[in-house]
C-alpha atoms as a PDB file:
ATOM      1  CA  MET A   1       0.000   0.000   0.000  1.00  0.00           C
ATOM      2  CA  LYS A   2       1.358   3.380  -1.040  1.00  0.00           C
ATOM      3  CA  MET A   3       1.422   5.964   1.748  1.00  0.00           C
ATOM      4  CA  SER A   4       0.721   9.624   1.032  1.00  0.00           C
ATOM      5  CA  TYR A   5       3.555  12.090   1.538  1.00  0.00           C
ATOM      6  CA  THR A   6       1.764  13.558   4.562  1.00  0.00           C
ATOM      7  CA  GLY A   7       1.561  10.035   5.983  1.00  0.00           C
ATOM      8  CA  GLN A   8       5.284   9.576   5.362  1.00  0.00           C
ATOM      9  CA  ILE A   9       6.048  12.791   7.247  1.00  0.00           C
ATOM     10  CA  ARG A  10       3.807  11.673  10.136  1.00  0.00           C
ATOM     11  CA  CYS A  11       5.680   8.364  10.196  1.00  0.00           C
ATOM     12  CA  ARG A  12       9.006  10.241  10.294  1.00  0.00           C
ATOM     13  CA  VAL A  13       7.742  12.369  13.177  1.00  0.00           C
ATOM     14  CA  ALA A  14       6.766   9.231  15.108  1.00  0.00           C
ATOM     15  CA  LEU A  15      10.113   7.556  14.386  1.00  0.00           C
ATOM     16  CA  LEU A  16      12.083  10.646  15.375  1.00  0.00           C
ATOM     17  CA  ALA A  17      10.119  11.010  18.620  1.00  0.00           C
ATOM     18  CA  ALA A  18      10.731   7.323  19.395  1.00  0.00           C
ATOM     19  CA  GLY A  19      14.426   7.745  18.560  1.00  0.00           C
ATOM     20  CA  ILE A  20      14.736  10.719  20.905  1.00  0.00           C
ATOM     21  CA  LEU A  21      13.068   8.744  23.695  1.00  0.00           C
ATOM     22  CA  LEU A  22      15.402   5.796  23.057  1.00  0.00           C
ATOM     23  CA  MET A  23      18.435   8.082  23.175  1.00  0.00           C
ATOM     24  CA  LEU A  24      17.296   9.560  26.480  1.00  0.00           C
ATOM     25  CA  ALA A  25      16.663   6.054  27.859  1.00  0.00           C
ATOM     26  CA  TYR A  26      20.162   5.058  26.666  1.00  0.00           C
ATOM     27  CA  MET A  27      21.622   8.059  28.498  1.00  0.00           C
ATOM     28  CA  VAL A  28      19.837   7.073  31.734  1.00  0.00           C
ATOM     29  CA  LEU A  29      20.846   3.408  31.339  1.00  0.00           C
ATOM     30  CA  VAL A  30      24.491   4.301  30.761  1.00  0.00           C
ATOM     31  CA  GLY A  31      24.401   6.656  33.740  1.00  0.00           C
ATOM     32  CA  GLU A  32      22.925   3.963  35.971  1.00  0.00           C
ATOM     33  CA  THR A  33      25.296   1.195  34.862  1.00  0.00           C
ATOM     34  CA  GLY A  34      28.411   3.242  35.406  1.00  0.00           C
ATOM     35  CA  GLY A  35      29.123   5.023  32.141  1.00  0.00           C
ATOM     36  CA  GLY A  36      30.011   8.689  32.091  1.00  0.00           C
ATOM     37  CA  ASP A  37      31.704   9.901  35.271  1.00  0.00           C
ATOM     38  CA  SER A  38      30.636   7.080  37.602  1.00  0.00           C
ATOM     39  CA  ARG A  39      33.248   4.735  39.033  1.00  0.00           C
ATOM     40  CA  VAL A  40      31.167   1.522  39.295  1.00  0.00           C
ATOM     41  CA  GLY A  41      29.008  -0.649  37.080  1.00  0.00           C
ATOM     42  CA  GLY A  42      29.245  -2.127  33.599  1.00  0.00           C
ATOM     43  CA  GLY A  43      30.668   0.829  31.740  1.00  0.00           C
ATOM     44  CA  ASP A  44      33.745   1.837  33.698  1.00  0.00           C
ATOM     45  CA  SER A  45      34.700   5.422  32.881  1.00  0.00           C
ATOM     46  CA  ARG A  46      38.163   4.904  34.340  1.00  0.00           C
ATOM     47  CA  VAL A  47      39.088   3.031  31.182  1.00  0.00           C
ATOM     48  CA  MET A  48      37.818   5.813  28.915  1.00  0.00           C
ATOM     49  CA  SER A  49      40.417   8.088  27.419  1.00  0.00           C
ATOM     50  CA  ASP A  50      39.628  11.776  27.078  1.00  0.00           C
ATOM     51  CA  PHE A  51      39.392  11.247  23.324  1.00  0.00           C
ATOM     52  CA  ALA A  52      36.834   8.443  23.745  1.00  0.00           C
ATOM     53  CA  ARG A  53      34.769  10.517  26.177  1.00  0.00           C
ATOM     54  CA  GLY A  54      34.827  13.503  23.811  1.00  0.00           C
ATOM     55  CA  VAL A  55      33.850  11.395  20.787  1.00  0.00           C
ATOM     56  CA  ALA A  56      31.035   9.682  22.702  1.00  0.00           C
ATOM     57  CA  ASN A  57      29.672  13.005  23.964  1.00  0.00           C
ATOM     58  CA  PHE A  58      29.950  14.563  20.502  1.00  0.00           C
ATOM     59  CA  ILE A  59      28.128  11.655  18.844  1.00  0.00           C
ATOM     60  CA  PHE A  60      25.378  11.561  21.463  1.00  0.00           C
ATOM     61  CA  PHE A  61      24.625  15.265  21.788  1.00  0.00           C
ATOM     62  CA  CYS A  62      25.020  16.103  18.092  1.00  0.00           C
ATOM     63  CA  GLY A  63      22.814  13.136  17.215  1.00  0.00           C
ATOM     64  CA  LEU A  64      20.213  14.243  19.729  1.00  0.00           C
ATOM     65  CA  GLY A  65      20.367  17.809  18.405  1.00  0.00           C
ATOM     66  CA  VAL A  66      19.948  16.669  14.786  1.00  0.00           C
ATOM     67  CA  MET A  67      16.982  14.501  15.730  1.00  0.00           C
ATOM     68  CA  VAL A  68      15.273  17.350  17.598  1.00  0.00           C
ATOM     69  CA  TRP A  69      15.944  19.695  14.658  1.00  0.00           C
ATOM     70  CA  ARG A  70      14.516  17.171  12.133  1.00  0.00           C
ATOM     71  CA  LEU A  71      11.491  16.589  14.382  1.00  0.00           C
ATOM     72  CA  ALA A  72      10.783  20.334  14.541  1.00  0.00           C
ATOM     73  CA  HIS A  73      11.303  20.659  10.764  1.00  0.00           C
ATOM     74  CA  ASN A  74       8.903  17.812  10.000  1.00  0.00           C
ATOM     75  CA  CYS A  75       6.296  19.170  12.409  1.00  0.00           C
ATOM     76  CA  LYS A  76       6.500  22.539  10.620  1.00  0.00           C
ATOM     77  CA  LEU A  77       6.019  20.760   7.292  1.00  0.00           C
ATOM     78  CA  LEU A  78       2.807  19.188   8.541  1.00  0.00           C
ATOM     79  CA  GLY A  79       1.457  22.627   9.397  1.00  0.00           C
ATOM     80  CA  ASP A  80       2.320  24.322   6.085  1.00  0.00           C
ATOM     81  CA  ARG A  81       1.044  22.878   2.787  1.00  0.00           C
ATOM     82  CA  ARG A  82       3.339  25.041   0.653  1.00  0.00           C
ATOM     83  CA  ARG A  83       6.469  23.896   2.521  1.00  0.00           C
ATOM     84  CA  LEU A  84       5.236  20.306   2.353  1.00  0.00           C
ATOM     85  CA  LYS A  85       4.934  20.505  -1.437  1.00  0.00           C
ATOM     86  CA  GLU A  86       8.383  22.118  -1.788  1.00  0.00           C
ATOM     87  CA  GLN A  87       9.930  19.382   0.355  1.00  0.00           C
ATOM     88  CA  LEU A  88       8.219  16.691  -1.726  1.00  0.00           C
ATOM     89  CA  LEU A  89       9.687  18.182  -4.908  1.00  0.00           C
ATOM     90  CA  LYS A  90      13.161  18.293  -3.309  1.00  0.00           C
ATOM     91  CA  GLU A  91      12.962  14.655  -2.263  1.00  0.00           C
ATOM     92  CA  ARG A  92      11.780  13.533  -5.682  1.00  0.00           C
ATOM     93  CA  GLU A  93      14.649  15.289  -7.452  1.00  0.00           C
ATOM     94  CA  GLU A  94      16.301  12.583  -9.528  1.00  0.00           C
ATOM     95  CA  ARG A  95      19.891  13.846  -9.196  1.00  0.00           C
ATOM     96  CA  ALA A  96      19.820  13.893  -5.387  1.00  0.00           C
ATOM     97  CA  ARG A  97      18.276  10.422  -5.260  1.00  0.00           C
ATOM     98  CA  SER A  98      20.882   9.112  -7.680  1.00  0.00           C
ATOM     99  CA  LEU A  99      23.738  10.599  -5.617  1.00  0.00           C
ATOM    100  CA  HIS A 100      22.369   9.051  -2.436  1.00  0.00           C
ATOM    101  CA  THR A 101      22.058   5.651  -4.086  1.00  0.00           C
ATOM    102  CA  ARG A 102      25.509   5.788  -5.688  1.00  0.00           C
ATOM    103  CA  SER A 103      27.150   6.806  -2.414  1.00  0.00           C
ATOM    104  CA  GLY A 104      25.871   3.746  -0.563  1.00  0.00           C
ATOM    105  CA  GLY A 105      22.180   4.475  -0.156  1.00  0.00           C
ATOM    106  CA  LEU A 106      20.166   3.130   2.730  1.00  0.00           C
ATOM    107  CA  ALA A 107      22.596   0.293   3.471  1.00  0.00           C
ATOM    108  CA  MET A 108      25.435   2.761   4.107  1.00  0.00           C
ATOM    109  CA  ASP A 109      23.148   4.997   6.186  1.00  0.00           C
ATOM    110  CA  VAL A 110      22.193   2.060   8.430  1.00  0.00           C
ATOM    111  CA  THR A 111      25.846   0.989   8.666  1.00  0.00           C
ATOM    112  CA  LEU A 112      26.891   4.493   9.740  1.00  0.00           C
ATOM    113  CA  LEU A 113      24.149   4.628  12.388  1.00  0.00           C
ATOM    114  CA  ALA A 114      25.186   1.228  13.743  1.00  0.00           C
ATOM    115  CA  LEU A 115      28.849   2.290  13.832  1.00  0.00           C
ATOM    116  CA  LEU A 116      27.931   5.506  15.637  1.00  0.00           C
ATOM    117  CA  PHE A 117      26.106   3.521  18.333  1.00  0.00           C
ATOM    118  CA  ILE A 118      28.873   0.919  18.635  1.00  0.00           C
ATOM    119  CA  THR A 119      31.596   3.576  18.825  1.00  0.00           C
ATOM    120  CA  MET A 120      29.716   5.561  21.452  1.00  0.00           C
ATOM    121  CA  THR A 121      29.083   2.492  23.615  1.00  0.00           C
ATOM    122  CA  ALA A 122      32.402   0.679  23.156  1.00  0.00           C
ATOM    123  CA  GLY A 123      34.414   3.490  24.727  1.00  0.00           C
ATOM    124  CA  MET A 124      32.853   2.800  28.107  1.00  0.00           C
ATOM    125  CA  TYR A 125      33.706  -0.884  28.114  1.00  0.00           C
ATOM    126  CA  ASN A 126      36.863  -1.506  26.113  1.00  0.00           C
ATOM    127  CA  MET A 127      39.277   0.970  24.567  1.00  0.00           C
ATOM    128  CA  ALA A 128      40.515  -1.496  21.922  1.00  0.00           C
ATOM    129  CA  ALA A 129      36.911  -2.013  20.780  1.00  0.00           C
ATOM    130  CA  PHE A 130      36.375   1.744  20.774  1.00  0.00           C
ATOM    131  CA  TYR A 131      39.392   2.458  18.568  1.00  0.00           C
ATOM    132  CA  THR A 132      38.408  -0.374  16.208  1.00  0.00           C
ATOM    133  CA  ALA A 133      34.836   0.933  15.931  1.00  0.00           C
ATOM    134  CA  PHE A 134      36.092   4.496  15.528  1.00  0.00           C
ATOM    135  CA  ALA A 135      38.408   3.432  12.691  1.00  0.00           C
ATOM    136  CA  GLY A 136      35.487   1.638  11.006  1.00  0.00           C
ATOM    137  CA  LEU A 137      33.302   4.707  11.451  1.00  0.00           C
ATOM    138  CA  ALA A 138      35.988   6.979  10.003  1.00  0.00           C
ATOM    139  CA  ALA A 139      36.545   4.652   7.035  1.00  0.00           C
ATOM    140  CA  ALA A 140      32.811   4.301   6.309  1.00  0.00           C
ATOM    141  CA  SER A 141      32.307   8.060   6.619  1.00  0.00           C
ATOM    142  CA  ALA A 142      35.223   8.740   4.285  1.00  0.00           C
ATOM    143  CA  ALA A 143      33.880   6.212   1.768  1.00  0.00           C
ATOM    144  CA  LYS A 144      30.407   7.765   1.869  1.00  0.00           C
ATOM    145  CA  ALA A 145      31.717  11.345   1.567  1.00  0.00           C
ATOM    146  CA  GLY A 146      34.267  10.438  -1.077  1.00  0.00           C
ATOM    147  CA  SER A 147      31.820   8.586  -3.281  1.00  0.00           C
ATOM    148  CA  TYR A 148      29.241  11.353  -2.865  1.00  0.00           C
ATOM    149  CA  LEU A 149      31.772  14.001  -3.920  1.00  0.00           C
ATOM    150  CA  TYR A 150      33.053  11.876  -6.797  1.00  0.00           C
ATOM    151  CA  PHE A 151      29.608  11.238  -8.242  1.00  0.00           C
ATOM    152  CA  SER A 152      28.372  14.777  -7.608  1.00  0.00           C
ATOM    153  CA  ARG A 153      31.221  16.246  -9.701  1.00  0.00           C
ATOM    154  CA  ARG A 154      30.886  13.559 -12.339  1.00  0.00           C
ATOM    155  CA  ALA A 155      27.127  13.774 -12.868  1.00  0.00           C
END
């Protein structure tokens, strides 16, 4: 069944709200199990380097900020028909869709999200796992950005 564009935006709003709630629950869980500045529990902050702590905080708070911004943007779209139509035209633009697909598409987006979560969490439990996940995240990000730039200049 094909969903209307308004329905798609409503679905995005629901997913973003759920994602924000999950991120806040993650923050509470990590705080309770010893991540962050605590000295006991599963995630032992004594093993975290300053770099790992900074990366984890950057990933978490920037991710939360982007999700709140996208939620507000999508809520505004639902209230303004003109903006909704403009956004639909932007998303249907063939060149942008082609660039996204050629630079990894949905599979790369999911991989990057998984690597962000793994990198953020691994720093509290094992520094070797953190640096491995961070290297994978950096490589995947470079591959996505590089292929996007390559195909955007070529097309």
